[in-house]
Protein backbone atom coordinates (compact mmCIF):
# COMPACT_ATOMS: atom_id res chain seq x y z
CA UNK A 1 16.62 -2.89 10.39
CA UNK A 2 14.54 0.40 9.34
CA UNK A 3 11.53 1.26 11.37
CA UNK A 4 8.73 3.06 9.32
CA UNK A 5 5.96 4.04 11.70
CA UNK A 6 5.34 0.87 13.91
CA UNK A 7 6.52 -1.53 11.33
CA UNK A 8 10.03 -3.21 11.29
CA UNK A 9 11.56 -3.54 7.84
CA UNK A 10 14.52 -5.90 7.20
CA UNK A 11 17.60 -4.31 5.73
CA UNK A 12 17.22 -7.06 3.16
CA UNK A 13 14.18 -5.10 1.52
CA UNK A 14 16.47 -2.41 0.26
CA UNK A 15 19.45 -4.35 -0.40
CA UNK A 16 18.24 -7.36 -2.30
CA UNK A 17 17.49 -6.82 -5.98
CA UNK A 18 14.53 -8.89 -7.09
CA UNK A 19 12.26 -8.91 -10.36
CA UNK A 20 9.90 -12.27 -10.70
CA UNK A 21 11.12 -14.19 -13.68
CA UNK A 22 8.06 -16.44 -14.28
CA UNK A 23 9.74 -17.95 -17.57
CA UNK A 24 12.41 -19.44 -15.21
CA UNK A 25 10.63 -20.49 -12.27
CA UNK A 26 7.27 -21.48 -13.67
CA UNK A 27 5.42 -20.03 -10.42
CA UNK A 28 7.04 -22.44 -8.15
CA UNK A 29 6.05 -20.30 -5.31
CA UNK A 30 2.32 -21.38 -6.01
CA UNK A 31 3.40 -25.23 -5.69
CA UNK A 32 6.27 -25.48 -3.35
CA UNK A 33 6.06 -25.48 0.63
CA UNK A 34 4.24 -27.05 3.27
CA UNK A 35 0.79 -25.12 2.93
CA UNK A 36 -0.97 -23.10 0.51
CA UNK A 37 -0.84 -19.11 0.64
CA UNK A 38 -1.17 -17.44 4.00
CA UNK A 39 -4.38 -15.81 4.49
CA UNK A 40 -5.03 -12.70 6.82
CA UNK A 41 -8.23 -13.15 8.90
CA UNK A 42 -9.93 -9.85 7.20
CA UNK A 43 -9.46 -11.93 3.86
CA UNK A 44 -11.53 -14.80 4.87
CA UNK A 45 -14.93 -13.47 4.18
CA UNK A 46 -13.50 -12.21 0.86
CA UNK A 47 -12.61 -15.95 0.02
CA UNK A 48 -15.98 -16.96 0.54
CA UNK A 49 -17.42 -14.09 -1.45
CA UNK A 50 -15.18 -14.58 -4.61
CA UNK A 51 -15.88 -18.38 -5.15
CA UNK A 52 -18.32 -18.18 -8.16
CA UNK A 53 -16.47 -15.43 -9.97
CA UNK A 54 -13.12 -17.15 -9.57
CA UNK A 55 -14.44 -20.78 -10.29
CA UNK A 56 -14.05 -20.15 -14.26
CA UNK A 57 -10.00 -19.58 -13.57
CA UNK A 58 -9.73 -22.68 -11.77
CA UNK A 59 -8.53 -26.27 -12.71
CA UNK A 60 -11.10 -29.19 -12.21
CA UNK A 61 -8.64 -30.43 -9.46
CA UNK A 62 -8.74 -26.87 -7.75
CA UNK A 63 -12.45 -26.64 -7.69
CA UNK A 64 -12.50 -30.37 -6.28
CA UNK A 65 -10.07 -29.27 -3.66
CA UNK A 66 -12.04 -26.21 -2.58
CA UNK A 67 -15.32 -28.00 -2.53
CA UNK A 68 -13.61 -30.86 -0.33
CA UNK A 69 -11.43 -28.26 2.21
CA UNK A 70 -13.56 -25.14 1.75
CA UNK A 71 -12.13 -21.63 0.52
CA UNK A 72 -9.40 -21.73 2.94
CA UNK A 73 -7.95 -24.02 5.59
CA UNK A 74 -6.93 -23.69 9.48
CA UNK A 75 -3.73 -25.43 9.92
CA UNK A 76 -2.52 -26.92 13.32
CA UNK A 77 -0.86 -23.68 14.47
CA UNK A 78 -3.95 -21.72 14.08
CA UNK A 79 -3.14 -19.96 10.64
CA UNK A 80 -5.50 -19.75 7.83
CA UNK A 81 -4.07 -20.50 4.27
CA UNK A 82 -5.41 -21.36 0.93
CA UNK A 83 -6.23 -25.07 0.42
CA UNK A 84 -4.03 -27.22 -1.89
CA UNK A 85 -4.35 -29.90 -4.31
CA UNK A 86 -2.93 -33.01 -2.68
CA UNK A 87 -0.70 -31.27 -0.56
CA UNK A 88 1.09 -29.29 -3.63
CA UNK A 89 -0.10 -26.56 -5.73
CA UNK A 90 -2.59 -23.96 -4.50
CA UNK A 91 -6.13 -24.81 -5.33
CA UNK A 92 -6.74 -21.22 -6.90
CA UNK A 93 -3.69 -21.71 -9.16
CA UNK A 94 -3.82 -23.09 -12.96
CA UNK A 95 -1.31 -23.77 -15.52
CA UNK A 96 -1.05 -21.30 -18.57
CA UNK A 97 -0.32 -22.49 -22.16
CA UNK A 98 3.36 -21.90 -21.22
CA UNK A 99 3.14 -24.21 -18.16
CA UNK A 100 3.69 -21.52 -15.66
CA UNK A 101 1.52 -21.43 -12.70
CA UNK A 102 -1.00 -18.29 -12.47
CA UNK A 103 -3.32 -17.28 -9.83
CA UNK A 104 -6.80 -17.71 -10.77
CA UNK A 105 -8.03 -15.18 -8.30
CA UNK A 106 -5.41 -12.59 -9.80
CA UNK A 107 -6.73 -13.41 -13.30
CA UNK A 108 -10.63 -12.76 -12.27
CA UNK A 109 -9.13 -9.44 -10.83
CA UNK A 110 -7.32 -8.34 -13.94
CA UNK A 111 -10.46 -9.37 -16.07
CA UNK A 112 -12.54 -7.06 -13.71
CA UNK A 113 -14.78 -10.09 -12.35
CA UNK A 114 -13.80 -9.24 -8.59
CA UNK A 115 -12.16 -6.30 -6.89
CA UNK A 116 -9.75 -8.46 -4.67
CA UNK A 117 -6.28 -8.79 -6.27
CA UNK A 118 -5.40 -11.82 -4.56
CA UNK A 119 -4.12 -12.83 -0.95
CA UNK A 120 -1.66 -10.21 0.22
CA UNK A 121 0.82 -12.69 1.11
CA UNK A 122 0.85 -13.79 -2.49
CA UNK A 123 0.86 -10.24 -3.66
CA UNK A 124 4.07 -9.28 -1.47
CA UNK A 125 6.16 -12.62 -2.00
CA UNK A 126 9.04 -12.93 -1.27
CA UNK A 127 8.16 -10.69 1.48
CA UNK A 128 6.80 -12.28 4.53
CA UNK A 129 4.97 -10.29 7.38
CA UNK A 130 5.40 -11.71 10.69
CA UNK A 131 3.84 -10.15 14.06
CA UNK A 132 5.44 -10.50 17.50
CA UNK A 133 3.52 -11.22 20.56
CA UNK A 134 2.75 -7.43 21.16
CA UNK A 135 1.40 -6.94 17.75
CA UNK A 136 4.31 -5.15 15.92
CA UNK A 137 4.62 -6.24 12.41
CA UNK A 138 7.96 -7.23 10.73
CA UNK A 139 8.53 -7.06 6.88
CA UNK A 140 11.24 -9.52 5.95
CA UNK A 141 12.55 -11.05 2.95
CA UNK A 142 12.00 -14.90 2.46
CA UNK A 143 15.12 -16.04 0.50
CA UNK A 144 14.31 -19.15 -1.38
CA UNK A 145 16.28 -20.98 -3.92
CA UNK A 146 13.33 -21.31 -6.26
CA UNK A 147 13.76 -17.44 -6.66
CA UNK A 148 17.37 -17.41 -7.75
CA UNK A 149 16.52 -16.35 -11.11
CA UNK A 150 14.35 -13.45 -9.86
CA UNK A 151 17.49 -12.35 -7.95
CA UNK A 152 19.77 -12.59 -11.11
CA UNK A 153 16.97 -10.87 -13.05
CA UNK A 154 16.60 -7.96 -10.39
CA UNK A 155 20.28 -7.63 -10.20
CA UNK A 156 20.76 -7.09 -14.00
CA UNK A 157 17.73 -4.65 -14.03
CA UNK A 158 19.26 -3.05 -10.89
CA UNK A 159 15.71 -3.13 -9.01
CA UNK A 160 15.70 -3.20 -5.44
CA UNK A 161 13.03 -5.53 -3.85
CA UNK A 162 11.07 -2.63 -2.29
CA UNK A 163 10.83 -0.73 -5.58
CA UNK A 164 9.52 -4.24 -7.21
CA UNK A 165 7.12 -4.61 -4.56
CA UNK A 166 5.88 -0.93 -4.39
CA UNK A 167 2.21 -1.77 -5.47
CA UNK A 168 1.63 -4.66 -2.83
CA UNK A 169 3.56 -2.67 0.05
CA UNK A 170 1.43 0.28 -0.81
CA UNK A 171 -1.71 -1.79 -0.62
CA UNK A 172 -0.68 -3.37 2.55
CA UNK A 173 0.37 -0.05 4.50
CA UNK A 174 -0.63 2.60 2.42
CA UNK A 175 0.92 5.36 0.02
CA UNK A 176 2.19 7.59 3.04
CA UNK A 177 3.76 4.68 4.49
CA UNK A 178 5.43 3.75 1.24
CA UNK A 179 6.69 7.27 0.94
CA UNK A 180 8.16 7.22 4.36
CA UNK A 181 9.90 3.80 3.46
CA UNK A 182 11.41 5.20 0.25
CA UNK A 183 12.52 8.35 2.46
CA UNK A 184 14.12 6.18 5.15
CA UNK A 185 16.03 4.04 2.20
CA UNK A 186 16.99 6.86 -0.08
CA UNK A 187 17.41 9.62 2.48
CA UNK A 188 15.25 12.03 0.22
């Protein structure tokens, strides 16, 4: 375990090699699991604000799910997440011409329609952030079989997870924090 500021970082973050391989997994993380993407409370107003700009990037079923459930849901544990289509794929996802699930929010961002990249939980995946009762955060690697191709690909390219996720880690914690993480891992 590495401590960077008040954040605890799992050793897996430096040891696991990982590069998303969407050609292999087809974006399975957007469809597998019990719920949609976890959302932070600060993201909730943004999810309301971006609806009209994101709508052209969504499927008819996604639009229908959002209309029925709202731009996000509150689960029985008191956590917020994106709505899903019939308990499966995220309502904000769409299949591209290659059959790969892509994020409609992210595509709207890439096209300059919104300034919100996508939920931080999605941007950070396969890292998951957990908070303890005292409010401290822990950065952990979520090992999941659907990402085995990404692990193999990362290993072939020799890219550690913390380097692959530099942009979202910087987005979440800032460039100074990320620099401290690199220093702690690389000893520079």
